[in-house]
Amino acid sequence: MARRRRLLFKKEYGEGILKGTKTSTIRLSSTLKKGDEVEIVAGRVKLGVARIEDVEVKKVKELTDEDAHADGFKSKEELMRALKRIYGRKISEGTEVKLIRFKMLGNSSSEEREEK
């Protein structure tokens, strides 16, 4: 059987993913598509498995506060600060990004999560 792909996050985003306040991620590139199942990993902790609900291509300037909320941020401005921190000069208003919406299907055991 083929090995399941992973969607990697910084450790700081794990809690929002588990609470359901982070249900999307914005990436410069990705080959994920709707229906894919992926392991969700934050830091070095496997949080569980998620299904990709949608992948939408947008320019950074088209991102909305709603997109930011789904990504676990209070506003588009806060999201932009995070994107610039992660991607630096590679990102600008005209940059195309992939907005990846996911739904957790199950969590890893609580013992594994407590290791974070």
PDB file of N, CA and C in Angstrom:
ATOM      1  N   MET A   1       0.841  -1.180   0.000  1.00  0.00           N
ATOM      2  CA  MET A   1       0.000   0.000   0.000  1.00  0.00           C
ATOM      3  C   MET A   1       0.888   1.247   0.000  1.00  0.00           C
ATOM      4  N   ALA A   2       0.485   2.253  -0.723  1.00  0.00           N
ATOM      5  CA  ALA A   2       1.270   3.492  -0.798  1.00  0.00           C
ATOM      6  C   ALA A   2       1.265   4.208   0.548  1.00  0.00           C
ATOM      7  N   ARG A   3       2.374   4.822   0.838  1.00  0.00           N
ATOM      8  CA  ARG A   3       2.505   5.554   2.088  1.00  0.00           C
ATOM      9  C   ARG A   3       1.677   6.837   2.015  1.00  0.00           C
ATOM     10  N   ARG A   4       0.972   7.146   3.099  1.00  0.00           N
ATOM     11  CA  ARG A   4       0.131   8.344   3.143  1.00  0.00           C
ATOM     12  C   ARG A   4       1.014   9.588   3.183  1.00  0.00           C
ATOM     13  N   ARG A   5       0.624  10.592   2.436  1.00  0.00           N
ATOM     14  CA  ARG A   5       1.372  11.853   2.415  1.00  0.00           C
ATOM     15  C   ARG A   5       1.134  12.619   3.703  1.00  0.00           C
ATOM     16  N   ARG A   6       2.011  13.564   3.970  1.00  0.00           N
ATOM     17  CA  ARG A   6       1.919  14.361   5.195  1.00  0.00           C
ATOM     18  C   ARG A   6       1.700  15.821   4.863  1.00  0.00           C
ATOM     19  N   LEU A   7       0.975  16.495   5.735  1.00  0.00           N
ATOM     20  CA  LEU A   7       0.829  17.935   5.671  1.00  0.00           C
ATOM     21  C   LEU A   7       1.479  18.449   6.949  1.00  0.00           C
ATOM     22  N   LEU A   8       2.601  19.152   6.791  1.00  0.00           N
ATOM     23  CA  LEU A   8       3.420  19.561   7.923  1.00  0.00           C
ATOM     24  C   LEU A   8       3.108  20.990   8.338  1.00  0.00           C
ATOM     25  N   PHE A   9       3.070  21.190   9.657  1.00  0.00           N
ATOM     26  CA  PHE A   9       2.816  22.500  10.241  1.00  0.00           C
ATOM     27  C   PHE A   9       3.851  22.779  11.317  1.00  0.00           C
ATOM     28  N   LYS A  10       4.063  24.043  11.608  1.00  0.00           N
ATOM     29  CA  LYS A  10       4.885  24.418  12.761  1.00  0.00           C
ATOM     30  C   LYS A  10       4.140  23.978  14.018  1.00  0.00           C
ATOM     31  N   LYS A  11       4.891  23.657  15.059  1.00  0.00           N
ATOM     32  CA  LYS A  11       4.327  23.163  16.317  1.00  0.00           C
ATOM     33  C   LYS A  11       3.241  24.088  16.855  1.00  0.00           C
ATOM     34  N   GLU A  12       3.444  25.404  16.703  1.00  0.00           N
ATOM     35  CA  GLU A  12       2.512  26.383  17.264  1.00  0.00           C
ATOM     36  C   GLU A  12       1.091  26.271  16.698  1.00  0.00           C
ATOM     37  N   TYR A  13       0.919  25.615  15.551  1.00  0.00           N
ATOM     38  CA  TYR A  13      -0.411  25.508  14.941  1.00  0.00           C
ATOM     39  C   TYR A  13      -1.164  24.246  15.360  1.00  0.00           C
ATOM     40  N   GLY A  14      -0.512  23.349  16.093  1.00  0.00           N
ATOM     41  CA  GLY A  14      -1.128  22.076  16.472  1.00  0.00           C
ATOM     42  C   GLY A  14      -2.390  22.210  17.288  1.00  0.00           C
ATOM     43  N   GLU A  15      -2.374  23.093  18.264  1.00  0.00           N
ATOM     44  CA  GLU A  15      -3.536  23.239  19.143  1.00  0.00           C
ATOM     45  C   GLU A  15      -4.761  23.700  18.352  1.00  0.00           C
ATOM     46  N   GLY A  16      -4.591  24.665  17.465  1.00  0.00           N
ATOM     47  CA  GLY A  16      -5.709  25.145  16.653  1.00  0.00           C
ATOM     48  C   GLY A  16      -6.270  24.065  15.748  1.00  0.00           C
ATOM     49  N   ILE A  17      -5.399  23.220  15.223  1.00  0.00           N
ATOM     50  CA  ILE A  17      -5.849  22.114  14.374  1.00  0.00           C
ATOM     51  C   ILE A  17      -6.699  21.150  15.196  1.00  0.00           C
ATOM     52  N   LEU A  18      -6.215  20.804  16.390  1.00  0.00           N
ATOM     53  CA  LEU A  18      -6.952  19.866  17.243  1.00  0.00           C
ATOM     54  C   LEU A  18      -8.275  20.450  17.730  1.00  0.00           C
ATOM     55  N   LYS A  19      -8.301  21.751  18.002  1.00  0.00           N
ATOM     56  CA  LYS A  19      -9.531  22.399  18.465  1.00  0.00           C
ATOM     57  C   LYS A  19     -10.515  22.664  17.338  1.00  0.00           C
ATOM     58  N   GLY A  20     -10.041  22.568  16.085  1.00  0.00           N
ATOM     59  CA  GLY A  20     -10.913  22.827  14.955  1.00  0.00           C
ATOM     60  C   GLY A  20     -11.004  24.292  14.570  1.00  0.00           C
ATOM     61  N   THR A  21     -10.124  25.137  15.153  1.00  0.00           N
ATOM     62  CA  THR A  21     -10.131  26.554  14.786  1.00  0.00           C
ATOM     63  C   THR A  21      -9.217  26.817  13.592  1.00  0.00           C
ATOM     64  N   LYS A  22      -8.391  25.854  13.240  1.00  0.00           N
ATOM     65  CA  LYS A  22      -7.544  25.941  12.040  1.00  0.00           C
ATOM     66  C   LYS A  22      -7.950  24.800  11.123  1.00  0.00           C
ATOM     67  N   THR A  23      -8.626  25.145  10.024  1.00  0.00           N
ATOM     68  CA  THR A  23      -9.148  24.136   9.110  1.00  0.00           C
ATOM     69  C   THR A  23      -8.624  24.343   7.688  1.00  0.00           C
ATOM     70  N   SER A  24      -7.629  25.221   7.563  1.00  0.00           N
ATOM     71  CA  SER A  24      -7.030  25.437   6.251  1.00  0.00           C
ATOM     72  C   SER A  24      -5.576  25.852   6.423  1.00  0.00           C
ATOM     73  N   THR A  25      -4.865  25.822   5.316  1.00  0.00           N
ATOM     74  CA  THR A  25      -3.486  26.278   5.294  1.00  0.00           C
ATOM     75  C   THR A  25      -3.215  26.900   3.935  1.00  0.00           C
ATOM     76  N   ILE A  26      -2.296  27.837   3.903  1.00  0.00           N
ATOM     77  CA  ILE A  26      -1.946  28.505   2.656  1.00  0.00           C
ATOM     78  C   ILE A  26      -0.510  28.136   2.322  1.00  0.00           C
ATOM     79  N   ARG A  27      -0.311  27.626   1.115  1.00  0.00           N
ATOM     80  CA  ARG A  27       1.012  27.176   0.690  1.00  0.00           C
ATOM     81  C   ARG A  27       1.357  27.805  -0.657  1.00  0.00           C
ATOM     82  N   LEU A  28       2.654  28.012  -0.871  1.00  0.00           N
ATOM     83  CA  LEU A  28       3.100  28.517  -2.171  1.00  0.00           C
ATOM     84  C   LEU A  28       2.938  27.453  -3.250  1.00  0.00           C
ATOM     85  N   SER A  29       3.158  26.208  -2.879  1.00  0.00           N
ATOM     86  CA  SER A  29       2.976  25.129  -3.847  1.00  0.00           C
ATOM     87  C   SER A  29       2.510  23.881  -3.117  1.00  0.00           C
ATOM     88  N   SER A  30       1.774  23.063  -3.823  1.00  0.00           N
ATOM     89  CA  SER A  30       1.288  21.807  -3.270  1.00  0.00           C
ATOM     90  C   SER A  30       0.717  20.979  -4.412  1.00  0.00           C
ATOM     91  N   THR A  31       0.862  19.680  -4.311  1.00  0.00           N
ATOM     92  CA  THR A  31       0.254  18.784  -5.294  1.00  0.00           C
ATOM     93  C   THR A  31      -0.977  18.089  -4.710  1.00  0.00           C
ATOM     94  N   LEU A  32      -1.383  18.491  -3.502  1.00  0.00           N
ATOM     95  CA  LEU A  32      -2.571  17.895  -2.892  1.00  0.00           C
ATOM     96  C   LEU A  32      -3.800  18.287  -3.692  1.00  0.00           C
ATOM     97  N   LYS A  33      -4.802  17.394  -3.656  1.00  0.00           N
ATOM     98  CA  LYS A  33      -6.054  17.684  -4.351  1.00  0.00           C
ATOM     99  C   LYS A  33      -7.223  17.221  -3.485  1.00  0.00           C
ATOM    100  N   LYS A  34      -8.400  17.728  -3.822  1.00  0.00           N
ATOM    101  CA  LYS A  34      -9.620  17.388  -3.091  1.00  0.00           C
ATOM    102  C   LYS A  34      -9.763  15.875  -3.002  1.00  0.00           C
ATOM    103  N   GLY A  35     -10.069  15.393  -1.791  1.00  0.00           N
ATOM    104  CA  GLY A  35     -10.263  13.961  -1.576  1.00  0.00           C
ATOM    105  C   GLY A  35      -9.039  13.239  -1.046  1.00  0.00           C
ATOM    106  N   ASP A  36      -7.857  13.837  -1.180  1.00  0.00           N
ATOM    107  CA  ASP A  36      -6.647  13.206  -0.642  1.00  0.00           C
ATOM    108  C   ASP A  36      -6.764  13.079   0.873  1.00  0.00           C
ATOM    109  N   GLU A  37      -6.208  12.001   1.417  1.00  0.00           N
ATOM    110  CA  GLU A  37      -6.093  11.851   2.864  1.00  0.00           C
ATOM    111  C   GLU A  37      -4.630  11.988   3.227  1.00  0.00           C
ATOM    112  N   VAL A  38      -4.363  12.790   4.263  1.00  0.00           N
ATOM    113  CA  VAL A  38      -2.990  13.091   4.655  1.00  0.00           C
ATOM    114  C   VAL A  38      -2.824  12.967   6.163  1.00  0.00           C
ATOM    115  N   GLU A  39      -1.604  12.653   6.577  1.00  0.00           N
ATOM    116  CA  GLU A  39      -1.257  12.725   7.995  1.00  0.00           C
ATOM    117  C   GLU A  39      -1.002  14.190   8.313  1.00  0.00           C
ATOM    118  N   ILE A  40      -1.547  14.644   9.419  1.00  0.00           N
ATOM    119  CA  ILE A  40      -1.312  16.010   9.875  1.00  0.00           C
ATOM    120  C   ILE A  40      -0.253  15.939  10.972  1.00  0.00           C
ATOM    121  N   VAL A  41       0.838  16.675  10.760  1.00  0.00           N
ATOM    122  CA  VAL A  41       1.953  16.672  11.707  1.00  0.00           C
ATOM    123  C   VAL A  41       2.268  18.117  12.078  1.00  0.00           C
ATOM    124  N   ALA A  42       2.298  18.390  13.387  1.00  0.00           N
ATOM    125  CA  ALA A  42       2.660  19.727  13.875  1.00  0.00           C
ATOM    126  C   ALA A  42       3.912  19.578  14.722  1.00  0.00           C
ATOM    127  N   GLY A  43       4.979  20.251  14.309  1.00  0.00           N
ATOM    128  CA  GLY A  43       6.263  20.014  14.962  1.00  0.00           C
ATOM    129  C   GLY A  43       6.672  18.597  14.622  1.00  0.00           C
ATOM    130  N   ARG A  44       6.864  17.803  15.630  1.00  0.00           N
ATOM    131  CA  ARG A  44       7.198  16.388  15.401  1.00  0.00           C
ATOM    132  C   ARG A  44       6.083  15.462  15.853  1.00  0.00           C
ATOM    133  N   VAL A  45       4.899  16.042  16.118  1.00  0.00           N
ATOM    134  CA  VAL A  45       3.793  15.267  16.671  1.00  0.00           C
ATOM    135  C   VAL A  45       2.733  15.004  15.604  1.00  0.00           C
ATOM    136  N   LYS A  46       2.440  13.732  15.391  1.00  0.00           N
ATOM    137  CA  LYS A  46       1.367  13.363  14.466  1.00  0.00           C
ATOM    138  C   LYS A  46       0.037  13.612  15.174  1.00  0.00           C
ATOM    139  N   LEU A  47      -0.783  14.474  14.578  1.00  0.00           N
ATOM    140  CA  LEU A  47      -2.055  14.828  15.194  1.00  0.00           C
ATOM    141  C   LEU A  47      -3.199  13.934  14.740  1.00  0.00           C
ATOM    142  N   GLY A  48      -3.073  13.345  13.575  1.00  0.00           N
ATOM    143  CA  GLY A  48      -4.135  12.498  13.065  1.00  0.00           C
ATOM    144  C   GLY A  48      -4.164  12.529  11.550  1.00  0.00           C
ATOM    145  N   VAL A  49      -5.302  12.127  11.012  1.00  0.00           N
ATOM    146  CA  VAL A  49      -5.491  12.056   9.566  1.00  0.00           C
ATOM    147  C   VAL A  49      -6.574  13.055   9.176  1.00  0.00           C
ATOM    148  N   ALA A  50      -6.371  13.688   8.034  1.00  0.00           N
ATOM    149  CA  ALA A  50      -7.355  14.648   7.532  1.00  0.00           C
ATOM    150  C   ALA A  50      -7.641  14.365   6.064  1.00  0.00           C
ATOM    151  N   ARG A  51      -8.827  14.782   5.642  1.00  0.00           N
ATOM    152  CA  ARG A  51      -9.192  14.714   4.229  1.00  0.00           C
ATOM    153  C   ARG A  51      -9.127  16.123   3.666  1.00  0.00           C
ATOM    154  N   ILE A  52      -8.557  16.256   2.485  1.00  0.00           N
ATOM    155  CA  ILE A  52      -8.511  17.547   1.815  1.00  0.00           C
ATOM    156  C   ILE A  52      -9.904  17.809   1.246  1.00  0.00           C
ATOM    157  N   GLU A  53     -10.541  18.872   1.725  1.00  0.00           N
ATOM    158  CA  GLU A  53     -11.892  19.223   1.319  1.00  0.00           C
ATOM    159  C   GLU A  53     -11.899  20.065   0.049  1.00  0.00           C
ATOM    160  N   ASP A  54     -10.861  20.892  -0.140  1.00  0.00           N
ATOM    161  CA  ASP A  54     -10.816  21.772  -1.298  1.00  0.00           C
ATOM    162  C   ASP A  54      -9.415  22.352  -1.432  1.00  0.00           C
ATOM    163  N   VAL A  55      -9.016  22.624  -2.650  1.00  0.00           N
ATOM    164  CA  VAL A  55      -7.770  23.331  -2.935  1.00  0.00           C
ATOM    165  C   VAL A  55      -8.124  24.443  -3.912  1.00  0.00           C
ATOM    166  N   GLU A  56      -7.914  25.676  -3.494  1.00  0.00           N
ATOM    167  CA  GLU A  56      -8.271  26.837  -4.308  1.00  0.00           C
ATOM    168  C   GLU A  56      -7.027  27.683  -4.554  1.00  0.00           C
ATOM    169  N   VAL A  57      -6.836  28.079  -5.794  1.00  0.00           N
ATOM    170  CA  VAL A  57      -5.711  28.949  -6.136  1.00  0.00           C
ATOM    171  C   VAL A  57      -6.206  30.393  -6.079  1.00  0.00           C
ATOM    172  N   LYS A  58      -5.478  31.231  -5.335  1.00  0.00           N
ATOM    173  CA  LYS A  58      -5.815  32.648  -5.199  1.00  0.00           C
ATOM    174  C   LYS A  58      -4.535  33.458  -5.244  1.00  0.00           C
ATOM    175  N   LYS A  59      -4.663  34.695  -5.589  1.00  0.00           N
ATOM    176  CA  LYS A  59      -3.556  35.627  -5.420  1.00  0.00           C
ATOM    177  C   LYS A  59      -3.634  36.140  -3.984  1.00  0.00           C
ATOM    178  N   VAL A  60      -2.491  36.462  -3.394  1.00  0.00           N
ATOM    179  CA  VAL A  60      -2.454  36.932  -2.012  1.00  0.00           C
ATOM    180  C   VAL A  60      -3.425  38.086  -1.809  1.00  0.00           C
ATOM    181  N   LYS A  61      -3.486  39.012  -2.769  1.00  0.00           N
ATOM    182  CA  LYS A  61      -4.370  40.175  -2.618  1.00  0.00           C
ATOM    183  C   LYS A  61      -5.848  39.786  -2.589  1.00  0.00           C
ATOM    184  N   GLU A  62      -6.193  38.561  -3.027  1.00  0.00           N
ATOM    185  CA  GLU A  62      -7.583  38.091  -3.020  1.00  0.00           C
ATOM    186  C   GLU A  62      -7.968  37.391  -1.708  1.00  0.00           C
ATOM    187  N   LEU A  63      -7.011  37.147  -0.837  1.00  0.00           N
ATOM    188  CA  LEU A  63      -7.314  36.503   0.442  1.00  0.00           C
ATOM    189  C   LEU A  63      -8.208  37.417   1.270  1.00  0.00           C
ATOM    190  N   THR A  64      -9.092  36.814   2.060  1.00  0.00           N
ATOM    191  CA  THR A  64     -10.061  37.570   2.845  1.00  0.00           C
ATOM    192  C   THR A  64      -9.886  37.302   4.336  1.00  0.00           C
ATOM    193  N   ASP A  65     -10.589  38.085   5.149  1.00  0.00           N
ATOM    194  CA  ASP A  65     -10.610  37.815   6.586  1.00  0.00           C
ATOM    195  C   ASP A  65     -11.178  36.418   6.850  1.00  0.00           C
ATOM    196  N   GLU A  66     -12.156  35.992   6.055  1.00  0.00           N
ATOM    197  CA  GLU A  66     -12.735  34.653   6.207  1.00  0.00           C
ATOM    198  C   GLU A  66     -11.666  33.575   5.971  1.00  0.00           C
ATOM    199  N   ASP A  67     -10.837  33.768   4.943  1.00  0.00           N
ATOM    200  CA  ASP A  67      -9.727  32.834   4.702  1.00  0.00           C
ATOM    201  C   ASP A  67      -8.793  32.811   5.903  1.00  0.00           C
ATOM    202  N   ALA A  68      -8.515  33.994   6.451  1.00  0.00           N
ATOM    203  CA  ALA A  68      -7.620  34.099   7.609  1.00  0.00           C
ATOM    204  C   ALA A  68      -8.207  33.373   8.815  1.00  0.00           C
ATOM    205  N   HIS A  69      -9.510  33.522   9.063  1.00  0.00           N
ATOM    206  CA  HIS A  69     -10.155  32.857  10.208  1.00  0.00           C
ATOM    207  C   HIS A  69     -10.044  31.341  10.083  1.00  0.00           C
ATOM    208  N   ALA A  70     -10.286  30.803   8.886  1.00  0.00           N
ATOM    209  CA  ALA A  70     -10.196  29.355   8.670  1.00  0.00           C
ATOM    210  C   ALA A  70      -8.768  28.854   8.876  1.00  0.00           C
ATOM    211  N   ASP A  71      -7.801  29.760   8.692  1.00  0.00           N
ATOM    212  CA  ASP A  71      -6.392  29.407   8.872  1.00  0.00           C
ATOM    213  C   ASP A  71      -5.941  29.652  10.317  1.00  0.00           C
ATOM    214  N   GLY A  72      -6.888  30.041  11.183  1.00  0.00           N
ATOM    215  CA  GLY A  72      -6.581  30.205  12.603  1.00  0.00           C
ATOM    216  C   GLY A  72      -6.102  31.588  12.990  1.00  0.00           C
ATOM    217  N   PHE A  73      -6.291  32.577  12.128  1.00  0.00           N
ATOM    218  CA  PHE A  73      -5.841  33.945  12.406  1.00  0.00           C
ATOM    219  C   PHE A  73      -7.037  34.859  12.631  1.00  0.00           C
ATOM    220  N   LYS A  74      -6.812  35.955  13.356  1.00  0.00           N
ATOM    221  CA  LYS A  74      -7.890  36.899  13.675  1.00  0.00           C
ATOM    222  C   LYS A  74      -8.272  37.766  12.484  1.00  0.00           C
ATOM    223  N   SER A  75      -7.317  38.016  11.582  1.00  0.00           N
ATOM    224  CA  SER A  75      -7.576  38.920  10.469  1.00  0.00           C
ATOM    225  C   SER A  75      -6.634  38.608   9.313  1.00  0.00           C
ATOM    226  N   LYS A  76      -6.938  39.197   8.156  1.00  0.00           N
ATOM    227  CA  LYS A  76      -6.055  39.045   7.002  1.00  0.00           C
ATOM    228  C   LYS A  76      -4.688  39.642   7.313  1.00  0.00           C
ATOM    229  N   GLU A  77      -4.664  40.758   8.046  1.00  0.00           N
ATOM    230  CA  GLU A  77      -3.391  41.406   8.390  1.00  0.00           C
ATOM    231  C   GLU A  77      -2.505  40.474   9.215  1.00  0.00           C
ATOM    232  N   GLU A  78      -3.109  39.788  10.193  1.00  0.00           N
ATOM    233  CA  GLU A  78      -2.341  38.841  11.022  1.00  0.00           C
ATOM    234  C   GLU A  78      -1.838  37.680  10.166  1.00  0.00           C
ATOM    235  N   LEU A  79      -2.692  37.193   9.269  1.00  0.00           N
ATOM    236  CA  LEU A  79      -2.299  36.121   8.347  1.00  0.00           C
ATOM    237  C   LEU A  79      -1.130  36.566   7.476  1.00  0.00           C
ATOM    238  N   MET A  80      -1.201  37.792   6.959  1.00  0.00           N
ATOM    239  CA  MET A  80      -0.129  38.310   6.102  1.00  0.00           C
ATOM    240  C   MET A  80       1.202  38.383   6.848  1.00  0.00           C
ATOM    241  N   ARG A  81       1.166  38.794   8.104  1.00  0.00           N
ATOM    242  CA  ARG A  81       2.404  38.838   8.903  1.00  0.00           C
ATOM    243  C   ARG A  81       3.009  37.440   9.019  1.00  0.00           C
ATOM    244  N   ALA A  82       2.161  36.435   9.247  1.00  0.00           N
ATOM    245  CA  ALA A  82       2.644  35.053   9.365  1.00  0.00           C
ATOM    246  C   ALA A  82       3.210  34.557   8.037  1.00  0.00           C
ATOM    247  N   LEU A  83       2.517  34.844   6.930  1.00  0.00           N
ATOM    248  CA  LEU A  83       3.007  34.407   5.623  1.00  0.00           C
ATOM    249  C   LEU A  83       4.355  35.049   5.304  1.00  0.00           C
ATOM    250  N   LYS A  84       4.502  36.322   5.630  1.00  0.00           N
ATOM    251  CA  LYS A  84       5.776  37.012   5.366  1.00  0.00           C
ATOM    252  C   LYS A  84       6.890  36.467   6.254  1.00  0.00           C
ATOM    253  N   ARG A  85       6.533  36.075   7.485  1.00  0.00           N
ATOM    254  CA  ARG A  85       7.524  35.481   8.384  1.00  0.00           C
ATOM    255  C   ARG A  85       7.994  34.124   7.837  1.00  0.00           C
ATOM    256  N   ILE A  86       7.063  33.365   7.276  1.00  0.00           N
ATOM    257  CA  ILE A  86       7.385  32.024   6.771  1.00  0.00           C
ATOM    258  C   ILE A  86       8.075  32.092   5.408  1.00  0.00           C
ATOM    259  N   TYR A  87       7.533  32.878   4.478  1.00  0.00           N
ATOM    260  CA  TYR A  87       8.008  32.864   3.094  1.00  0.00           C
ATOM    261  C   TYR A  87       8.911  34.034   2.722  1.00  0.00           C
ATOM    262  N   GLY A  88       8.964  35.068   3.563  1.00  0.00           N
ATOM    263  CA  GLY A  88       9.842  36.202   3.288  1.00  0.00           C
ATOM    264  C   GLY A  88       9.527  36.897   1.981  1.00  0.00           C
ATOM    265  N   ARG A  89      10.564  37.175   1.210  1.00  0.00           N
ATOM    266  CA  ARG A  89      10.409  37.928  -0.043  1.00  0.00           C
ATOM    267  C   ARG A  89       9.727  37.145  -1.154  1.00  0.00           C
ATOM    268  N   LYS A  90       9.523  35.855  -0.953  1.00  0.00           N
ATOM    269  CA  LYS A  90       8.879  35.044  -1.989  1.00  0.00           C
ATOM    270  C   LYS A  90       7.390  35.377  -2.113  1.00  0.00           C
ATOM    271  N   ILE A  91       6.855  36.159  -1.175  1.00  0.00           N
ATOM    272  CA  ILE A  91       5.416  36.402  -1.185  1.00  0.00           C
ATOM    273  C   ILE A  91       5.119  37.894  -1.298  1.00  0.00           C
ATOM    274  N   SER A  92       4.169  38.215  -2.182  1.00  0.00           N
ATOM    275  CA  SER A  92       3.732  39.600  -2.356  1.00  0.00           C
ATOM    276  C   SER A  92       2.252  39.572  -2.722  1.00  0.00           C
ATOM    277  N   GLU A  93       1.644  40.731  -2.897  1.00  0.00           N
ATOM    278  CA  GLU A  93       0.211  40.808  -3.221  1.00  0.00           C
ATOM    279  C   GLU A  93      -0.149  40.027  -4.488  1.00  0.00           C
ATOM    280  N   GLY A  94       0.778  39.932  -5.436  1.00  0.00           N
ATOM    281  CA  GLY A  94       0.497  39.248  -6.697  1.00  0.00           C
ATOM    282  C   GLY A  94       0.853  37.772  -6.714  1.00  0.00           C
ATOM    283  N   THR A  95       1.412  37.254  -5.628  1.00  0.00           N
ATOM    284  CA  THR A  95       1.822  35.853  -5.563  1.00  0.00           C
ATOM    285  C   THR A  95       0.605  34.934  -5.563  1.00  0.00           C
ATOM    286  N   GLU A  96       0.658  33.878  -6.378  1.00  0.00           N
ATOM    287  CA  GLU A  96      -0.392  32.864  -6.344  1.00  0.00           C
ATOM    288  C   GLU A  96      -0.095  31.876  -5.231  1.00  0.00           C
ATOM    289  N   VAL A  97      -1.118  31.596  -4.428  1.00  0.00           N
ATOM    290  CA  VAL A  97      -0.985  30.627  -3.341  1.00  0.00           C
ATOM    291  C   VAL A  97      -2.096  29.593  -3.464  1.00  0.00           C
ATOM    292  N   LYS A  98      -1.904  28.488  -2.779  1.00  0.00           N
ATOM    293  CA  LYS A  98      -2.931  27.450  -2.731  1.00  0.00           C
ATOM    294  C   LYS A  98      -3.539  27.459  -1.337  1.00  0.00           C
ATOM    295  N   LEU A  99      -4.836  27.666  -1.313  1.00  0.00           N
ATOM    296  CA  LEU A  99      -5.608  27.648  -0.076  1.00  0.00           C
ATOM    297  C   LEU A  99      -6.147  26.229   0.070  1.00  0.00           C
ATOM    298  N   ILE A 100      -5.616  25.494   1.033  1.00  0.00           N
ATOM    299  CA  ILE A 100      -5.936  24.079   1.213  1.00  0.00           C
ATOM    300  C   ILE A 100      -6.840  23.939   2.429  1.00  0.00           C
ATOM    301  N   ARG A 101      -8.083  23.527   2.200  1.00  0.00           N
ATOM    302  CA  ARG A 101      -9.032  23.315   3.297  1.00  0.00           C
ATOM    303  C   ARG A 101      -9.043  21.823   3.626  1.00  0.00           C
ATOM    304  N   PHE A 102      -9.004  21.526   4.925  1.00  0.00           N
ATOM    305  CA  PHE A 102      -8.960  20.123   5.342  1.00  0.00           C
ATOM    306  C   PHE A 102      -9.914  19.876   6.493  1.00  0.00           C
ATOM    307  N   LYS A 103     -10.255  18.607   6.680  1.00  0.00           N
ATOM    308  CA  LYS A 103     -11.118  18.198   7.778  1.00  0.00           C
ATOM    309  C   LYS A 103     -10.462  17.026   8.480  1.00  0.00           C
ATOM    310  N   MET A 104     -10.271  17.169   9.777  1.00  0.00           N
ATOM    311  CA  MET A 104      -9.686  16.081  10.547  1.00  0.00           C
ATOM    312  C   MET A 104     -10.653  14.902  10.580  1.00  0.00           C
ATOM    313  N   LEU A 105     -10.123  13.706  10.368  1.00  0.00           N
ATOM    314  CA  LEU A 105     -10.923  12.492  10.395  1.00  0.00           C
ATOM    315  C   LEU A 105     -10.768  11.756  11.713  1.00  0.00           C
ATOM    316  N   GLY A 106      -9.643  11.951  12.365  1.00  0.00           N
ATOM    317  CA  GLY A 106      -9.392  11.296  13.635  1.00  0.00           C
ATOM    318  C   GLY A 106      -8.104  11.818  14.213  1.00  0.00           C
ATOM    319  N   ASN A 107      -7.977  11.722  15.530  1.00  0.00           N
ATOM    320  CA  ASN A 107      -6.782  12.207  16.214  1.00  0.00           C
ATOM    321  C   ASN A 107      -5.932  11.040  16.667  1.00  0.00           C
ATOM    322  N   SER A 108      -4.650  11.308  16.818  1.00  0.00           N
ATOM    323  CA  SER A 108      -3.757  10.331  17.425  1.00  0.00           C
ATOM    324  C   SER A 108      -4.105  10.237  18.900  1.00  0.00           C
ATOM    325  N   SER A 109      -3.576   9.247  19.561  1.00  0.00           N
ATOM    326  CA  SER A 109      -3.895   9.067  20.973  1.00  0.00           C
ATOM    327  C   SER A 109      -3.440  10.260  21.797  1.00  0.00           C
ATOM    328  N   SER A 110      -4.114  10.504  22.909  1.00  0.00           N
ATOM    329  CA  SER A 110      -3.783  11.659  23.738  1.00  0.00           C
ATOM    330  C   SER A 110      -2.377  11.563  24.308  1.00  0.00           C
ATOM    331  N   GLU A 111      -1.878  10.351  24.529  1.00  0.00           N
ATOM    332  CA  GLU A 111      -0.495  10.223  25.038  1.00  0.00           C
ATOM    333  C   GLU A 111       0.504  10.814  24.046  1.00  0.00           C
ATOM    334  N   GLU A 112       0.302  10.541  22.757  1.00  0.00           N
ATOM    335  CA  GLU A 112       1.216  11.067  21.739  1.00  0.00           C
ATOM    336  C   GLU A 112       1.181  12.597  21.732  1.00  0.00           C
ATOM    337  N   ARG A 113      -0.009  13.180  21.849  1.00  0.00           N
ATOM    338  CA  ARG A 113      -0.150  14.633  21.794  1.00  0.00           C
ATOM    339  C   ARG A 113       0.489  15.303  23.001  1.00  0.00           C
ATOM    340  N   GLU A 114       0.470  14.630  24.151  1.00  0.00           N
ATOM    341  CA  GLU A 114       1.023  15.239  25.358  1.00  0.00           C
ATOM    342  C   GLU A 114       2.539  15.389  25.293  1.00  0.00           C
ATOM    343  N   GLU A 115       3.183  14.725  24.341  1.00  0.00           N
ATOM    344  CA  GLU A 115       4.629  14.830  24.202  1.00  0.00           C
ATOM    345  C   GLU A 115       5.061  16.194  23.691  1.00  0.00           C
ATOM    346  N   LYS A 116       4.149  16.976  23.113  1.00  0.00           N
ATOM    347  CA  LYS A 116       4.530  18.260  22.529  1.00  0.00           C
ATOM    348  C   LYS A 116       4.937  19.241  23.511  1.00  0.00           C
TER     349      LYS A 116
END
